[in-house]
């Protein structure tokens, strides 16, 4: 029986600004070096000024971290409404995200939206990054549920696969309609 649902932030609850940045890069940009620097920032291993310098050196373009970007990612309002319904149905809810700051709690989610979630497992706080299996195990442990009682929702196939390898169920998020249909099927079992 499913007791908990864990959501990724970028590409699920919000637009993926990193993906948009990478898609905008010119040919010849060292995307791998930029990606590595960004992952190190998300894990809390380097600071904001260093990640900015390394990304600009690798790509020739500046990437503004979430807390500095004007506008930033757009919320998936329909999904947040559905999450509110899941909360009212008694589901335990969490956010598990690779992020380099407390931006999700402090700037992205309004207080009433934050209150929908029982926990937040953010990479910079725990010093790990998805797809590290310990991230998924920690999220389930903090919700006090067994791995097979959890559904991980992520837009990245590799993270869904990693969650499944720990015993969780997973849904790769493509659209709200698709996600709701897939989740309701799992909840009906």
C-alpha atoms as a PDB file:
ATOM      1  CA  UNK A   1       0.000   0.000   0.000  1.00  0.00           C
ATOM      2  CA  UNK A   2       1.309   3.449  -0.917  1.00  0.00           C
ATOM      3  CA  UNK A   3       1.660   5.726   2.107  1.00  0.00           C
ATOM      4  CA  UNK A   4       4.044   8.414   0.819  1.00  0.00           C
ATOM      5  CA  UNK A   5       4.833  10.357  -2.319  1.00  0.00           C
ATOM      6  CA  UNK A   6       8.148  12.094  -2.819  1.00  0.00           C
ATOM      7  CA  UNK A   7       8.435  14.838  -5.421  1.00  0.00           C
ATOM      8  CA  UNK A   8      11.424  16.219  -7.255  1.00  0.00           C
ATOM      9  CA  UNK A   9      11.327  19.988  -7.640  1.00  0.00           C
ATOM     10  CA  UNK A  10      12.858  20.983 -10.987  1.00  0.00           C
ATOM     11  CA  UNK A  11      10.979  19.599 -13.959  1.00  0.00           C
ATOM     12  CA  UNK A  12       8.096  18.502 -11.690  1.00  0.00           C
ATOM     13  CA  UNK A  13       7.017  21.193  -9.198  1.00  0.00           C
ATOM     14  CA  UNK A  14       8.836  23.894 -11.178  1.00  0.00           C
ATOM     15  CA  UNK A  15      10.253  24.514 -14.614  1.00  0.00           C
ATOM     16  CA  UNK A  16      13.806  23.265 -15.014  1.00  0.00           C
ATOM     17  CA  UNK A  17      15.964  26.410 -15.321  1.00  0.00           C
ATOM     18  CA  UNK A  18      19.201  24.402 -15.565  1.00  0.00           C
ATOM     19  CA  UNK A  19      17.878  22.437 -18.553  1.00  0.00           C
ATOM     20  CA  UNK A  20      16.789  25.684 -20.237  1.00  0.00           C
ATOM     21  CA  UNK A  21      20.267  27.142 -19.615  1.00  0.00           C
ATOM     22  CA  UNK A  22      22.028  24.083 -21.063  1.00  0.00           C
ATOM     23  CA  UNK A  23      19.694  24.110 -24.078  1.00  0.00           C
ATOM     24  CA  UNK A  24      20.678  27.745 -24.745  1.00  0.00           C
ATOM     25  CA  UNK A  25      24.430  27.100 -24.828  1.00  0.00           C
ATOM     26  CA  UNK A  26      26.375  27.544 -28.050  1.00  0.00           C
ATOM     27  CA  UNK A  27      28.235  24.713 -29.739  1.00  0.00           C
ATOM     28  CA  UNK A  28      31.641  24.255 -28.183  1.00  0.00           C
ATOM     29  CA  UNK A  29      30.519  25.049 -24.638  1.00  0.00           C
ATOM     30  CA  UNK A  30      31.917  22.580 -22.126  1.00  0.00           C
ATOM     31  CA  UNK A  31      28.543  21.400 -20.833  1.00  0.00           C
ATOM     32  CA  UNK A  32      30.084  18.545 -18.835  1.00  0.00           C
ATOM     33  CA  UNK A  33      32.401  20.880 -16.892  1.00  0.00           C
ATOM     34  CA  UNK A  34      29.487  23.233 -16.220  1.00  0.00           C
ATOM     35  CA  UNK A  35      27.287  20.323 -15.123  1.00  0.00           C
ATOM     36  CA  UNK A  36      30.008  19.023 -12.784  1.00  0.00           C
ATOM     37  CA  UNK A  37      30.423  22.465 -11.179  1.00  0.00           C
ATOM     38  CA  UNK A  38      26.660  22.777 -10.748  1.00  0.00           C
ATOM     39  CA  UNK A  39      26.414  19.334  -9.143  1.00  0.00           C
ATOM     40  CA  UNK A  40      29.215  20.243  -6.721  1.00  0.00           C
ATOM     41  CA  UNK A  41      27.310  23.409  -5.780  1.00  0.00           C
ATOM     42  CA  UNK A  42      24.066  21.443  -5.320  1.00  0.00           C
ATOM     43  CA  UNK A  43      25.884  19.052  -2.983  1.00  0.00           C
ATOM     44  CA  UNK A  44      27.214  21.973  -0.941  1.00  0.00           C
ATOM     45  CA  UNK A  45      30.859  21.307  -1.873  1.00  0.00           C
ATOM     46  CA  UNK A  46      31.535  24.719  -3.477  1.00  0.00           C
ATOM     47  CA  UNK A  47      30.048  28.164  -2.948  1.00  0.00           C
ATOM     48  CA  UNK A  48      27.981  30.345  -5.242  1.00  0.00           C
ATOM     49  CA  UNK A  49      30.862  32.515  -6.462  1.00  0.00           C
ATOM     50  CA  UNK A  50      32.978  29.492  -7.408  1.00  0.00           C
ATOM     51  CA  UNK A  51      30.157  27.765  -9.276  1.00  0.00           C
ATOM     52  CA  UNK A  52      29.437  30.990 -11.170  1.00  0.00           C
ATOM     53  CA  UNK A  53      33.082  31.384 -12.192  1.00  0.00           C
ATOM     54  CA  UNK A  54      33.424  27.742 -13.271  1.00  0.00           C
ATOM     55  CA  UNK A  55      30.189  27.741 -15.294  1.00  0.00           C
ATOM     56  CA  UNK A  56      31.126  30.973 -17.064  1.00  0.00           C
ATOM     57  CA  UNK A  57      34.627  29.647 -17.809  1.00  0.00           C
ATOM     58  CA  UNK A  58      33.180  26.418 -19.231  1.00  0.00           C
ATOM     59  CA  UNK A  59      30.346  27.921 -21.263  1.00  0.00           C
ATOM     60  CA  UNK A  60      31.063  31.607 -21.819  1.00  0.00           C
ATOM     61  CA  UNK A  61      27.651  32.382 -20.294  1.00  0.00           C
ATOM     62  CA  UNK A  62      26.517  33.313 -16.820  1.00  0.00           C
ATOM     63  CA  UNK A  63      24.067  31.071 -15.034  1.00  0.00           C
ATOM     64  CA  UNK A  64      22.249  32.770 -12.197  1.00  0.00           C
ATOM     65  CA  UNK A  65      21.548  30.526  -9.265  1.00  0.00           C
ATOM     66  CA  UNK A  66      17.911  30.354  -8.251  1.00  0.00           C
ATOM     67  CA  UNK A  67      18.203  32.741  -5.355  1.00  0.00           C
ATOM     68  CA  UNK A  68      19.691  35.387  -7.680  1.00  0.00           C
ATOM     69  CA  UNK A  69      17.566  34.914 -10.808  1.00  0.00           C
ATOM     70  CA  UNK A  70      14.757  37.347 -11.501  1.00  0.00           C
ATOM     71  CA  UNK A  71      11.535  35.464 -12.079  1.00  0.00           C
ATOM     72  CA  UNK A  72      13.167  32.054 -11.765  1.00  0.00           C
ATOM     73  CA  UNK A  73      11.273  28.824 -12.313  1.00  0.00           C
ATOM     74  CA  UNK A  74       7.530  28.798 -12.792  1.00  0.00           C
ATOM     75  CA  UNK A  75       5.399  26.802 -10.354  1.00  0.00           C
ATOM     76  CA  UNK A  76       3.289  23.927 -11.564  1.00  0.00           C
ATOM     77  CA  UNK A  77       0.105  25.324  -9.976  1.00  0.00           C
ATOM     78  CA  UNK A  78      -2.068  22.421 -11.122  1.00  0.00           C
ATOM     79  CA  UNK A  79       0.282  19.910  -9.515  1.00  0.00           C
ATOM     80  CA  UNK A  80       0.370  21.880  -6.261  1.00  0.00           C
ATOM     81  CA  UNK A  81      -3.448  21.821  -6.213  1.00  0.00           C
ATOM     82  CA  UNK A  82      -3.385  18.035  -6.688  1.00  0.00           C
ATOM     83  CA  UNK A  83      -0.728  17.718  -3.959  1.00  0.00           C
ATOM     84  CA  UNK A  84      -3.110  19.569  -1.642  1.00  0.00           C
ATOM     85  CA  UNK A  85      -5.759  16.935  -2.443  1.00  0.00           C
ATOM     86  CA  UNK A  86      -3.244  14.142  -1.722  1.00  0.00           C
ATOM     87  CA  UNK A  87      -2.399  15.819   1.584  1.00  0.00           C
ATOM     88  CA  UNK A  88      -6.097  15.941   2.479  1.00  0.00           C
ATOM     89  CA  UNK A  89      -6.326  12.209   1.667  1.00  0.00           C
ATOM     90  CA  UNK A  90      -3.687  11.531   4.340  1.00  0.00           C
ATOM     91  CA  UNK A  91      -0.665  10.877   2.132  1.00  0.00           C
ATOM     92  CA  UNK A  92       2.776  11.647   3.553  1.00  0.00           C
ATOM     93  CA  UNK A  93       4.505  14.067   1.193  1.00  0.00           C
ATOM     94  CA  UNK A  94       8.105  15.122   0.739  1.00  0.00           C
ATOM     95  CA  UNK A  95      10.401  16.968  -1.640  1.00  0.00           C
ATOM     96  CA  UNK A  96      13.702  15.341  -2.629  1.00  0.00           C
ATOM     97  CA  UNK A  97      15.801  17.636  -4.779  1.00  0.00           C
ATOM     98  CA  UNK A  98      19.321  18.346  -5.966  1.00  0.00           C
ATOM     99  CA  UNK A  99      19.572  22.019  -5.040  1.00  0.00           C
ATOM    100  CA  UNK A 100      22.393  24.208  -3.776  1.00  0.00           C
ATOM    101  CA  UNK A 101      20.430  26.407  -1.363  1.00  0.00           C
ATOM    102  CA  UNK A 102      17.274  26.693   0.704  1.00  0.00           C
ATOM    103  CA  UNK A 103      15.530  28.455  -2.195  1.00  0.00           C
ATOM    104  CA  UNK A 104      12.677  25.909  -2.382  1.00  0.00           C
ATOM    105  CA  UNK A 105      11.574  26.632   1.190  1.00  0.00           C
ATOM    106  CA  UNK A 106      12.497  30.300   1.430  1.00  0.00           C
ATOM    107  CA  UNK A 107      11.467  31.669  -1.954  1.00  0.00           C
ATOM    108  CA  UNK A 108       9.698  29.144  -4.151  1.00  0.00           C
ATOM    109  CA  UNK A 109       6.927  27.737  -1.953  1.00  0.00           C
ATOM    110  CA  UNK A 110       4.437  29.966  -0.165  1.00  0.00           C
ATOM    111  CA  UNK A 111       3.896  29.128   3.527  1.00  0.00           C
ATOM    112  CA  UNK A 112       0.641  27.270   2.801  1.00  0.00           C
ATOM    113  CA  UNK A 113       2.405  25.239   0.083  1.00  0.00           C
ATOM    114  CA  UNK A 114       5.349  24.408   2.379  1.00  0.00           C
ATOM    115  CA  UNK A 115       2.857  23.173   4.974  1.00  0.00           C
ATOM    116  CA  UNK A 116       1.673  20.462   2.541  1.00  0.00           C
ATOM    117  CA  UNK A 117       5.016  18.676   2.820  1.00  0.00           C
ATOM    118  CA  UNK A 118       6.069  16.575   5.792  1.00  0.00           C
ATOM    119  CA  UNK A 119       9.761  16.782   4.943  1.00  0.00           C
ATOM    120  CA  UNK A 120      12.388  18.180   2.589  1.00  0.00           C
ATOM    121  CA  UNK A 121      15.522  16.251   1.635  1.00  0.00           C
ATOM    122  CA  UNK A 122      17.729  18.800  -0.127  1.00  0.00           C
ATOM    123  CA  UNK A 123      21.105  17.777  -1.490  1.00  0.00           C
ATOM    124  CA  UNK A 124      23.055  20.729  -0.136  1.00  0.00           C
ATOM    125  CA  UNK A 125      21.845  19.927   3.405  1.00  0.00           C
ATOM    126  CA  UNK A 126      22.639  16.203   3.322  1.00  0.00           C
ATOM    127  CA  UNK A 127      25.822  16.317   1.204  1.00  0.00           C
ATOM    128  CA  UNK A 128      24.538  13.792  -1.331  1.00  0.00           C
ATOM    129  CA  UNK A 129      23.030  13.964  -4.809  1.00  0.00           C
ATOM    130  CA  UNK A 130      20.460  11.877  -6.620  1.00  0.00           C
ATOM    131  CA  UNK A 131      20.875   9.184  -7.864  1.00  0.00           C
ATOM    132  CA  UNK A 132      22.727   8.178  -4.652  1.00  0.00           C
ATOM    133  CA  UNK A 133      20.495   5.475  -3.164  1.00  0.00           C
ATOM    134  CA  UNK A 134      21.088   6.906   0.317  1.00  0.00           C
ATOM    135  CA  UNK A 135      19.055   9.993  -0.669  1.00  0.00           C
ATOM    136  CA  UNK A 136      15.992   7.836  -1.381  1.00  0.00           C
ATOM    137  CA  UNK A 137      16.513   5.741   1.752  1.00  0.00           C
ATOM    138  CA  UNK A 138      16.863   8.861   3.895  1.00  0.00           C
ATOM    139  CA  UNK A 139      13.662  10.336   2.465  1.00  0.00           C
ATOM    140  CA  UNK A 140      11.677   7.177   3.292  1.00  0.00           C
ATOM    141  CA  UNK A 141      13.261   6.880   6.731  1.00  0.00           C
ATOM    142  CA  UNK A 142      12.367  10.473   7.625  1.00  0.00           C
ATOM    143  CA  UNK A 143       8.754   9.858   6.548  1.00  0.00           C
ATOM    144  CA  UNK A 144       8.770   6.640   8.632  1.00  0.00           C
ATOM    145  CA  UNK A 145       7.624   4.420   5.765  1.00  0.00           C
ATOM    146  CA  UNK A 146       9.016   1.290   4.134  1.00  0.00           C
ATOM    147  CA  UNK A 147      10.648   1.654   0.732  1.00  0.00           C
ATOM    148  CA  UNK A 148       7.832  -0.260  -0.998  1.00  0.00           C
ATOM    149  CA  UNK A 149       5.276   2.170   0.464  1.00  0.00           C
ATOM    150  CA  UNK A 150       6.763   5.130  -1.430  1.00  0.00           C
ATOM    151  CA  UNK A 151       6.315   6.562  -4.908  1.00  0.00           C
ATOM    152  CA  UNK A 152       9.116   8.784  -6.221  1.00  0.00           C
ATOM    153  CA  UNK A 153       8.051  11.348  -8.819  1.00  0.00           C
ATOM    154  CA  UNK A 154      10.820  12.732 -11.024  1.00  0.00           C
ATOM    155  CA  UNK A 155      11.128  13.976 -14.592  1.00  0.00           C
ATOM    156  CA  UNK A 156      14.479  12.219 -15.067  1.00  0.00           C
ATOM    157  CA  UNK A 157      14.388   8.534 -15.992  1.00  0.00           C
ATOM    158  CA  UNK A 158      17.755   7.825 -14.313  1.00  0.00           C
ATOM    159  CA  UNK A 159      16.428   9.085 -10.970  1.00  0.00           C
ATOM    160  CA  UNK A 160      13.244   7.045 -11.313  1.00  0.00           C
ATOM    161  CA  UNK A 161      15.347   3.963 -12.046  1.00  0.00           C
ATOM    162  CA  UNK A 162      17.572   4.660  -9.036  1.00  0.00           C
ATOM    163  CA  UNK A 163      14.501   4.991  -6.796  1.00  0.00           C
ATOM    164  CA  UNK A 164      13.130   1.693  -8.107  1.00  0.00           C
ATOM    165  CA  UNK A 165      16.458   0.000  -7.386  1.00  0.00           C
ATOM    166  CA  UNK A 166      15.980   0.899  -3.702  1.00  0.00           C
ATOM    167  CA  UNK A 167      12.529  -0.709  -3.638  1.00  0.00           C
ATOM    168  CA  UNK A 168      10.427   2.392  -4.233  1.00  0.00           C
ATOM    169  CA  UNK A 169       7.884   2.680  -6.963  1.00  0.00           C
ATOM    170  CA  UNK A 170       8.490   5.553  -9.382  1.00  0.00           C
ATOM    171  CA  UNK A 171       6.589   7.653 -11.857  1.00  0.00           C
ATOM    172  CA  UNK A 172       8.438   9.630 -14.487  1.00  0.00           C
ATOM    173  CA  UNK A 173       6.670  12.988 -14.669  1.00  0.00           C
ATOM    174  CA  UNK A 174       5.789  14.215 -18.141  1.00  0.00           C
ATOM    175  CA  UNK A 175       2.524  16.088 -17.559  1.00  0.00           C
ATOM    176  CA  UNK A 176      -0.011  16.567 -14.802  1.00  0.00           C
ATOM    177  CA  UNK A 177      -2.610  14.508 -16.675  1.00  0.00           C
ATOM    178  CA  UNK A 178      -0.214  11.598 -17.183  1.00  0.00           C
ATOM    179  CA  UNK A 179       1.050  11.763 -13.593  1.00  0.00           C
ATOM    180  CA  UNK A 180      -2.414  11.805 -12.031  1.00  0.00           C
ATOM    181  CA  UNK A 181      -3.519   8.824 -14.125  1.00  0.00           C
ATOM    182  CA  UNK A 182      -0.372   6.839 -13.276  1.00  0.00           C
ATOM    183  CA  UNK A 183      -0.564   7.649  -9.570  1.00  0.00           C
ATOM    184  CA  UNK A 184      -4.274   6.891  -9.228  1.00  0.00           C
ATOM    185  CA  UNK A 185      -3.616   3.465 -10.795  1.00  0.00           C
ATOM    186  CA  UNK A 186      -0.951   2.760  -8.173  1.00  0.00           C
ATOM    187  CA  UNK A 187      -3.129   4.023  -5.326  1.00  0.00           C
ATOM    188  CA  UNK A 188      -6.034   1.821  -6.476  1.00  0.00           C
ATOM    189  CA  UNK A 189      -3.975  -1.374  -6.107  1.00  0.00           C
END
